[in-house]
Amino acid sequence: MKIRIFLFLISIFYVSMASAVPVKDLYRASIKLPATESEDQMLSDAFSQAVEQVLVRVSGDKAAITGDLLQEAQKAAPTWVAQHSVTSLKDLLPLNGDLVAGKQVNVFFYHESIDQFLTQHNLPVWGNNRPSVLVWAVDDNNGVRTLSGANSPSPLLNDLAASSTNYGVPIYAPLMDSVDAAAISPSDVWGFFEDTIKSASQRYQTDAIAALRVSQYAGSLTGNLLMIIGNDTKQFSLTGANLQDLADQASADMAKALSERYAAVRNSASESRLDLSVSGVTNYAAMKKIQQYLESVGVVRDVYVVKATKDSVVFSVAINGDKQKLLDSIMLSSLLQADTPPVTQTSALQADGAEVPSADTVDTAQQASTTSQAPDPVSSTDSDAPSASNNIEYFKYSGAQ
């Protein structure tokens, strides 16, 4: 069973065992502003701040949402607003050393406007199905190293939780119980010992792992971040005036690393198509469930059924970016599991050095893989499963999600 603890601000919650996490409100932002401004100016400021937050969250690339590009977005932001509301805050806001009344402006943007702007500027659009990240955080305070977790929360974890929410990165904390204490030490995390970190993280089964070390010594503050995504690792240096600055940098770096792996630019130049053969699909409901899931994957442009047999379905999938982004995204869910290509009579003959398939066989295979219009999804045939090729990937339907 997967065990994960979700960090949100100061609270720590137990959550379900699903891998990928549906992140809500990607296109929404709440901005708090002093009530001393006129309503028009307050809305203008709120829209400008909100559009920056949303563009960063949807693209996962904070460094790109700056300069002229950000100014262009801020000018257009009022026309992208689908809905907004203004409420008075109960607590006062600081302003120039004083405390003044404040208001919160909730801004909802049109998805299409944000996505189109990012696409026009060759930036990725990252869907809401996002990978979970387990965070091992160690704080060195004047030579004393402390490892944080659910049973030993810290200001560092709290700041990271608040910051990661703004970037749409679902982070989790280890329990730091007797099992964790036996498996990993503060020195292991501080030294970024990858094998030990991976081994200790197995019980939580998140999609990615992060190790964060922060040093506070003689008034100076520095940090480093290690990201482990599958077999890939990346390291980042962190600097800032306070823990909140370091946490924000760490969240931005995590978002960028994950976006590079799971998001893609949505334009025709990056489009490609491949087939997915899914076994274990024995009814229409299962087929539709898989199709709807594939349509929800951020890098997918469209999906249609090529062929359906009594126990398998072949889907044609148009994607943004390379095939690996799709495969990585699919593995975030437990709905489909990677499978090996079936051994067909044709492939067995070829292995024995027999002649290649006849022209009739080749024409049939080409027709299935190059169909430009979606066939009736409820139609079926008892023809053999497709033979292995570079343009088809094989999966098994698990029956769960």
Protein backbone atom coordinates (compact mmCIF):
# COMPACT_ATOMS: atom_id res chain seq x y z
CA MET A 1 0.00 0.00 0.00
CA LYS A 2 1.23 3.46 -0.80
CA ILE A 3 1.66 5.76 2.19
CA ARG A 4 1.81 9.49 1.58
CA ILE A 5 1.47 12.57 3.72
CA PHE A 6 0.40 15.75 1.94
CA LEU A 7 1.75 19.09 3.12
CA PHE A 8 -0.53 22.09 2.88
CA LEU A 9 0.52 25.21 4.76
CA ILE A 10 0.85 24.25 8.44
CA SER A 11 -1.39 21.19 8.33
CA ILE A 12 -0.41 17.62 7.42
CA PHE A 13 -3.02 15.28 5.98
CA TYR A 14 -3.26 11.61 5.10
CA VAL A 15 -4.30 11.08 1.48
CA SER A 16 -5.26 8.24 -0.86
CA MET A 17 -2.88 5.92 -2.63
CA ALA A 18 -3.37 7.27 -6.18
CA SER A 19 -0.15 8.17 -7.95
CA ALA A 20 -0.76 11.28 -10.02
CA VAL A 21 -2.61 14.08 -8.27
CA PRO A 22 -5.37 16.12 -9.95
CA VAL A 23 -4.40 19.71 -9.13
CA LYS A 24 -7.38 22.03 -8.90
CA ASP A 25 -7.69 25.73 -9.74
CA LEU A 26 -4.73 25.96 -12.11
CA TYR A 27 -6.40 28.93 -13.81
CA ARG A 28 -7.48 30.68 -10.62
CA ALA A 29 -5.59 33.06 -8.33
CA SER A 30 -6.51 34.93 -5.14
CA ILE A 31 -4.79 38.27 -4.63
CA LYS A 32 -4.81 40.25 -1.37
CA LEU A 33 -4.46 44.02 -1.70
CA PRO A 34 -4.86 47.05 0.58
CA ALA A 35 -8.31 48.64 0.38
CA THR A 36 -6.73 52.09 0.09
CA GLU A 37 -6.71 51.96 -3.73
CA SER A 38 -9.64 52.76 -5.98
CA GLU A 39 -11.60 49.74 -7.18
CA ASP A 40 -10.40 50.16 -10.77
CA GLN A 41 -6.75 50.32 -9.71
CA MET A 42 -7.20 47.42 -7.30
CA LEU A 43 -8.68 45.23 -10.05
CA SER A 44 -5.93 46.22 -12.47
CA ASP A 45 -3.26 45.28 -9.93
CA ALA A 46 -5.05 42.05 -9.05
CA PHE A 47 -5.37 40.96 -12.69
CA SER A 48 -1.68 41.69 -13.31
CA GLN A 49 -0.54 39.65 -10.31
CA ALA A 50 -3.04 36.87 -10.95
CA VAL A 51 -2.09 36.33 -14.58
CA GLU A 52 1.58 35.99 -13.62
CA GLN A 53 0.74 33.35 -11.02
CA VAL A 54 -1.47 31.40 -13.42
CA LEU A 55 0.99 31.49 -16.33
CA VAL A 56 3.77 30.22 -14.05
CA ARG A 57 1.54 27.49 -12.63
CA VAL A 58 0.25 26.28 -16.00
CA SER A 59 3.63 26.37 -17.77
CA GLY A 60 5.79 25.31 -14.83
CA ASP A 61 8.44 27.76 -16.02
CA LYS A 62 8.79 30.79 -13.76
CA ALA A 63 11.96 32.02 -15.47
CA ALA A 64 10.11 32.40 -18.79
CA ILE A 65 7.24 34.49 -17.39
CA THR A 66 9.21 37.73 -17.11
CA GLY A 67 10.13 40.89 -19.04
CA ASP A 68 8.29 41.82 -22.22
CA LEU A 69 6.34 38.54 -22.27
CA LEU A 70 4.91 39.20 -18.81
CA GLN A 71 4.07 42.80 -19.70
CA GLU A 72 2.23 41.61 -22.80
CA ALA A 73 0.23 39.15 -20.72
CA GLN A 74 -0.59 41.75 -18.07
CA LYS A 75 -1.94 44.14 -20.73
CA ALA A 76 -4.18 41.43 -22.11
CA ALA A 77 -5.16 39.97 -18.72
CA PRO A 78 -8.48 41.91 -18.29
CA THR A 79 -9.78 40.37 -21.53
CA TRP A 80 -8.87 36.87 -20.32
CA VAL A 81 -10.85 37.09 -17.08
CA ALA A 82 -13.84 34.76 -17.08
CA GLN A 83 -15.00 35.77 -13.61
CA HIS A 84 -13.82 37.72 -10.60
CA SER A 85 -15.09 38.49 -7.12
CA VAL A 86 -14.02 40.85 -4.33
CA THR A 87 -14.36 40.15 -0.61
CA SER A 88 -13.24 42.09 2.45
CA LEU A 89 -10.56 40.53 4.62
CA LYS A 90 -11.06 40.05 8.33
CA ASP A 91 -7.37 40.55 9.06
CA LEU A 92 -5.45 43.76 8.37
CA LEU A 93 -2.67 43.90 5.81
CA PRO A 94 0.76 45.53 6.36
CA LEU A 95 1.39 48.68 4.31
CA ASN A 96 4.44 50.92 4.79
CA GLY A 97 4.83 49.89 8.41
CA ASP A 98 1.14 50.23 9.20
CA LEU A 99 -1.80 47.84 9.22
CA VAL A 100 -4.68 48.69 6.91
CA ALA A 101 -7.94 47.09 5.80
CA GLY A 102 -7.59 44.71 2.87
CA LYS A 103 -9.58 42.96 0.19
CA GLN A 104 -9.16 39.68 -1.63
CA VAL A 105 -9.73 39.53 -5.38
CA ASN A 106 -10.48 36.05 -6.72
CA VAL A 107 -9.70 35.84 -10.44
CA PHE A 108 -10.69 33.03 -12.85
CA PHE A 109 -9.16 33.07 -16.33
CA TYR A 110 -10.39 31.41 -19.49
CA HIS A 111 -8.36 28.23 -20.03
CA GLU A 112 -8.21 28.83 -23.77
CA SER A 113 -6.73 32.32 -23.39
CA ILE A 114 -3.93 31.18 -21.09
CA ASP A 115 -3.15 28.08 -23.16
CA GLN A 116 -3.14 29.98 -26.44
CA PHE A 117 -0.81 32.66 -25.07
CA LEU A 118 1.67 30.06 -23.84
CA THR A 119 1.51 28.20 -27.15
CA GLN A 120 2.08 31.38 -29.14
CA HIS A 121 5.25 31.99 -27.15
CA ASN A 122 6.48 28.42 -27.53
CA LEU A 123 5.93 27.58 -23.86
CA PRO A 124 4.48 24.31 -22.55
CA VAL A 125 0.99 23.80 -21.20
CA TRP A 126 1.10 21.47 -18.20
CA GLY A 127 -2.12 19.60 -17.45
CA ASN A 128 -3.71 19.21 -14.04
CA ASN A 129 -2.75 15.52 -13.63
CA ARG A 130 0.57 16.09 -11.90
CA PRO A 131 3.20 13.84 -10.33
CA SER A 132 3.47 13.48 -6.57
CA VAL A 133 6.80 14.45 -4.97
CA LEU A 134 8.15 13.09 -1.68
CA VAL A 135 10.36 15.69 0.06
CA TRP A 136 13.17 14.83 2.46
CA ALA A 137 14.16 18.15 4.06
CA VAL A 138 17.15 18.62 6.36
CA ASP A 139 17.97 21.88 8.13
CA ASP A 140 21.48 22.60 9.41
CA ASN A 141 21.24 25.28 12.08
CA ASN A 142 24.73 26.21 13.29
CA GLY A 143 25.94 22.64 12.88
CA VAL A 144 22.85 20.84 14.22
CA ARG A 145 21.09 18.91 11.44
CA THR A 146 17.41 18.06 11.73
CA LEU A 147 15.34 15.98 9.34
CA SER A 148 11.74 17.15 8.95
CA GLY A 149 8.60 15.10 8.44
CA ALA A 150 5.02 14.51 9.51
CA ASN A 151 6.03 13.71 13.08
CA SER A 152 8.64 16.49 13.15
CA PRO A 153 7.34 19.47 11.13
CA SER A 154 9.50 22.53 10.60
CA PRO A 155 9.24 26.11 9.30
CA LEU A 156 11.17 24.95 6.22
CA LEU A 157 8.53 22.34 5.34
CA ASN A 158 5.69 24.77 6.05
CA ASP A 159 7.21 27.41 3.74
CA LEU A 160 7.82 24.79 1.05
CA ALA A 161 4.23 23.54 1.32
CA ALA A 162 2.80 27.03 0.86
CA SER A 163 5.13 27.80 -2.04
CA SER A 164 4.64 24.51 -3.88
CA THR A 165 0.88 25.07 -3.84
CA ASN A 166 1.39 28.28 -5.84
CA TYR A 167 3.34 26.30 -8.45
CA GLY A 168 0.87 23.43 -8.62
CA VAL A 169 3.38 20.89 -7.34
CA PRO A 170 1.83 18.30 -4.95
CA ILE A 171 4.47 17.59 -2.30
CA TYR A 172 4.44 15.00 0.45
CA ALA A 173 6.41 14.52 3.65
CA PRO A 174 7.74 11.26 5.10
CA LEU A 175 6.29 10.09 8.39
CA MET A 176 9.69 10.18 10.12
CA ASP A 177 8.66 7.26 12.30
CA SER A 178 10.85 4.40 13.52
CA VAL A 179 10.88 2.83 10.03
CA ASP A 180 12.22 6.01 8.45
CA ALA A 181 14.70 6.54 11.28
CA ALA A 182 16.15 3.10 10.60
CA ALA A 183 16.26 3.63 6.85
CA ILE A 184 17.72 7.14 6.52
CA SER A 185 19.58 9.75 8.58
CA PRO A 186 19.99 13.53 8.33
CA SER A 187 23.53 12.90 7.06
CA ASP A 188 22.20 10.72 4.23
CA VAL A 189 19.91 13.49 3.04
CA TRP A 190 22.54 16.16 3.57
CA GLY A 191 25.01 14.19 1.47
CA PHE A 192 22.42 13.54 -1.27
CA PHE A 193 23.17 9.81 -1.11
CA GLU A 194 20.81 8.79 -3.88
CA ASP A 195 20.70 5.05 -3.25
CA THR A 196 19.77 5.51 0.40
CA ILE A 197 17.21 8.19 -0.41
CA LYS A 198 15.58 6.01 -3.08
CA SER A 199 15.52 2.98 -0.79
CA ALA A 200 13.93 4.91 2.09
CA SER A 201 11.35 6.40 -0.30
CA GLN A 202 10.06 3.10 -1.65
CA ARG A 203 7.41 2.69 1.05
CA TYR A 204 5.75 5.95 -0.05
CA GLN A 205 5.70 5.18 -3.79
CA THR A 206 5.46 8.74 -5.04
CA ASP A 207 6.18 9.64 -8.65
CA ALA A 208 9.28 11.71 -7.84
CA ILE A 209 11.61 12.35 -4.91
CA ALA A 210 13.22 15.58 -3.72
CA ALA A 211 15.95 16.10 -1.15
CA LEU A 212 16.36 19.61 0.24
CA ARG A 213 19.20 20.78 2.46
CA VAL A 214 19.36 24.24 3.99
CA SER A 215 22.22 25.70 6.02
CA GLN A 216 21.75 28.56 8.47
CA TYR A 217 25.09 29.65 9.86
CA ALA A 218 26.27 32.99 11.24
CA GLY A 219 23.40 34.85 9.65
CA SER A 220 23.88 33.40 6.15
CA LEU A 221 21.40 31.14 4.42
CA THR A 222 22.13 28.73 1.56
CA GLY A 223 20.54 25.60 0.19
CA ASN A 224 20.59 22.86 -2.43
CA LEU A 225 17.89 20.75 -4.03
CA LEU A 226 18.16 17.25 -5.50
CA MET A 227 15.37 16.03 -7.79
CA ILE A 228 15.00 12.34 -8.63
CA ILE A 229 12.50 11.58 -11.39
CA GLY A 230 12.70 7.97 -12.47
CA ASN A 231 16.32 7.35 -13.39
CA ASP A 232 17.06 11.05 -13.93
CA THR A 233 18.56 13.35 -11.30
CA LYS A 234 19.07 17.11 -11.20
CA GLN A 235 20.65 19.42 -8.64
CA PHE A 236 19.92 23.10 -8.01
CA SER A 237 21.61 25.77 -5.86
CA LEU A 238 19.41 27.97 -3.69
CA THR A 239 20.10 31.39 -2.17
CA GLY A 240 17.88 33.88 -0.42
CA ALA A 241 17.38 36.29 2.44
CA ASN A 242 15.06 33.94 4.33
CA LEU A 243 13.54 30.45 4.33
CA GLN A 244 10.56 31.64 2.32
CA ASP A 245 12.84 32.78 -0.52
CA LEU A 246 14.64 29.43 -0.55
CA ALA A 247 11.36 27.53 -0.48
CA ASP A 248 10.06 29.54 -3.41
CA GLN A 249 13.22 28.83 -5.43
CA ALA A 250 12.99 25.13 -4.59
CA SER A 251 9.33 25.02 -5.68
CA ALA A 252 10.14 26.82 -8.93
CA ASP A 253 12.98 24.38 -9.66
CA MET A 254 10.77 21.36 -8.92
CA ALA A 255 8.03 22.72 -11.19
CA LYS A 256 10.46 23.34 -14.05
CA ALA A 257 12.01 19.86 -13.78
CA LEU A 258 8.61 18.17 -13.77
CA SER A 259 7.21 20.37 -16.54
CA GLU A 260 10.14 19.50 -18.79
CA ARG A 261 9.32 15.81 -18.37
CA TYR A 262 5.51 15.84 -18.49
CA ALA A 263 4.45 18.97 -20.40
CA ALA A 264 4.80 19.97 -24.05
CA VAL A 265 4.30 22.93 -26.35
CA ARG A 266 0.90 22.68 -28.04
CA ASN A 267 1.48 23.45 -31.69
CA SER A 268 1.34 21.59 -34.98
CA ALA A 269 5.13 21.59 -35.36
CA SER A 270 5.50 19.41 -32.26
CA GLU A 271 2.64 17.02 -33.06
CA SER A 272 3.20 13.32 -33.63
CA ARG A 273 0.93 10.29 -33.62
CA LEU A 274 1.27 6.74 -32.41
CA ASP A 275 -0.93 3.74 -31.62
CA LEU A 276 -1.56 2.28 -28.18
CA SER A 277 -2.66 -1.34 -28.03
CA VAL A 278 -4.41 -2.05 -24.72
CA SER A 279 -5.19 -5.65 -23.71
CA GLY A 280 -7.69 -6.73 -21.08
CA VAL A 281 -10.46 -4.49 -22.46
CA THR A 282 -13.56 -6.67 -22.58
CA ASN A 283 -16.43 -4.19 -22.70
CA TYR A 284 -17.46 -0.81 -24.03
CA ALA A 285 -17.38 0.87 -20.61
CA ALA A 286 -13.72 -0.04 -20.12
CA MET A 287 -12.84 1.20 -23.60
CA LYS A 288 -14.51 4.57 -22.97
CA LYS A 289 -12.84 4.86 -19.57
CA ILE A 290 -9.42 4.42 -21.16
CA GLN A 291 -10.20 6.82 -23.99
CA GLN A 292 -11.40 9.49 -21.56
CA TYR A 293 -8.28 9.03 -19.47
CA LEU A 294 -6.00 9.39 -22.50
CA GLU A 295 -7.88 12.54 -23.53
CA SER A 296 -7.18 14.00 -20.07
CA VAL A 297 -3.39 13.61 -20.40
CA GLY A 298 -1.84 17.03 -20.90
CA VAL A 299 0.31 16.16 -23.93
CA VAL A 300 -2.56 14.48 -25.84
CA ARG A 301 -4.29 16.38 -28.66
CA ASP A 302 -6.87 13.79 -29.69
CA VAL A 303 -7.68 10.09 -29.37
CA TYR A 304 -9.76 7.72 -31.45
CA VAL A 305 -10.28 3.97 -31.68
CA VAL A 306 -8.58 2.23 -34.60
CA LYS A 307 -9.62 -1.34 -33.88
CA ALA A 308 -11.44 -3.29 -31.18
CA THR A 309 -11.37 -7.07 -30.65
CA LYS A 310 -12.98 -9.23 -28.00
CA ASP A 311 -10.25 -8.44 -25.44
CA SER A 312 -8.13 -5.53 -26.74
CA VAL A 313 -8.42 -2.08 -28.27
CA VAL A 314 -6.00 -0.08 -30.41
CA PHE A 315 -6.13 3.71 -29.89
CA SER A 316 -4.59 6.24 -32.25
CA VAL A 317 -3.20 9.11 -30.16
CA ALA A 318 -1.98 12.49 -31.42
CA ILE A 319 0.49 14.05 -28.98
CA ASN A 320 2.45 17.21 -28.45
CA GLY A 321 6.16 16.57 -28.12
CA ASP A 322 7.92 13.24 -28.26
CA LYS A 323 6.50 9.83 -27.45
CA GLN A 324 8.37 9.59 -24.15
CA LYS A 325 6.34 12.44 -22.65
CA LEU A 326 3.17 10.47 -23.30
CA LEU A 327 4.61 7.27 -21.86
CA ASP A 328 5.87 9.10 -18.76
CA SER A 329 2.46 10.71 -18.28
CA ILE A 330 0.59 7.42 -18.65
CA MET A 331 2.75 5.80 -15.99
CA LEU A 332 1.54 8.42 -13.48
CA SER A 333 -1.75 6.51 -13.37
CA SER A 334 -2.46 2.94 -12.30
CA LEU A 335 -5.09 2.56 -15.02
CA LEU A 336 -2.66 1.24 -17.65
CA GLN A 337 0.42 -0.89 -17.14
CA ALA A 338 3.21 -1.39 -19.66
CA ASP A 339 2.94 -4.71 -21.48
CA THR A 340 5.08 -6.73 -23.87
CA PRO A 341 4.13 -7.03 -27.57
CA PRO A 342 2.14 -10.17 -28.36
CA VAL A 343 3.86 -12.96 -30.25
CA THR A 344 1.93 -13.28 -33.51
CA GLN A 345 2.22 -15.88 -36.23
CA THR A 346 3.75 -13.31 -38.58
CA SER A 347 6.46 -12.26 -36.15
CA ALA A 348 7.27 -15.91 -35.37
CA LEU A 349 7.72 -16.69 -39.08
CA GLN A 350 9.99 -13.68 -39.51
CA ALA A 351 12.07 -14.84 -36.58
CA ASP A 352 12.59 -18.14 -38.39
CA GLY A 353 13.83 -16.36 -41.50
CA ALA A 354 10.61 -16.80 -43.50
CA GLU A 355 9.51 -14.37 -46.18
CA VAL A 356 7.97 -11.06 -45.17
CA PRO A 357 4.15 -10.85 -45.01
CA SER A 358 2.22 -10.72 -48.27
CA ALA A 359 1.15 -7.45 -49.86
CA ASP A 360 -2.41 -8.00 -48.63
CA THR A 361 -1.19 -8.21 -45.03
CA VAL A 362 0.94 -5.10 -45.38
CA ASP A 363 -1.90 -3.11 -46.93
CA THR A 364 -4.21 -4.07 -44.07
CA ALA A 365 -1.68 -3.00 -41.44
CA GLN A 366 -0.98 0.28 -43.21
CA GLN A 367 -4.66 1.02 -43.53
CA ALA A 368 -5.15 0.54 -39.77
CA SER A 369 -2.21 2.79 -38.86
CA THR A 370 -2.93 5.60 -41.35
CA THR A 371 -6.69 5.98 -40.97
CA SER A 372 -7.38 9.72 -41.00
CA GLN A 373 -10.91 9.56 -39.60
CA ALA A 374 -12.05 7.89 -36.42
CA PRO A 375 -13.99 4.68 -37.03
CA ASP A 376 -17.10 3.80 -35.10
CA PRO A 377 -15.79 3.15 -31.52
CA VAL A 378 -18.39 0.46 -30.87
CA SER A 379 -17.45 -1.62 -33.92
CA SER A 380 -15.25 -4.64 -33.41
CA THR A 381 -13.39 -7.31 -35.31
CA ASP A 382 -11.87 -10.66 -34.46
CA SER A 383 -8.66 -9.93 -36.37
CA ASP A 384 -5.34 -10.64 -34.75
CA ALA A 385 -3.63 -8.07 -32.53
CA PRO A 386 -1.25 -5.76 -34.43
CA SER A 387 2.32 -6.88 -34.79
CA ALA A 388 5.08 -4.95 -33.03
CA SER A 389 6.45 -1.79 -34.67
CA ASN A 390 8.13 1.45 -33.71
CA ASN A 391 4.80 3.27 -33.96
CA ILE A 392 2.86 1.21 -31.43
CA GLU A 393 3.12 0.79 -27.68
CA TYR A 394 1.54 -1.99 -25.65
CA PHE A 395 -0.35 -1.69 -22.37
CA LYS A 396 -2.57 -3.78 -20.15
CA TYR A 397 -5.79 -2.43 -18.64
CA SER A 398 -5.64 -2.79 -14.86
CA GLY A 399 -9.31 -2.08 -14.23
CA ALA A 400 -8.47 0.56 -11.61
CA GLN A 401 -7.44 4.21 -11.48
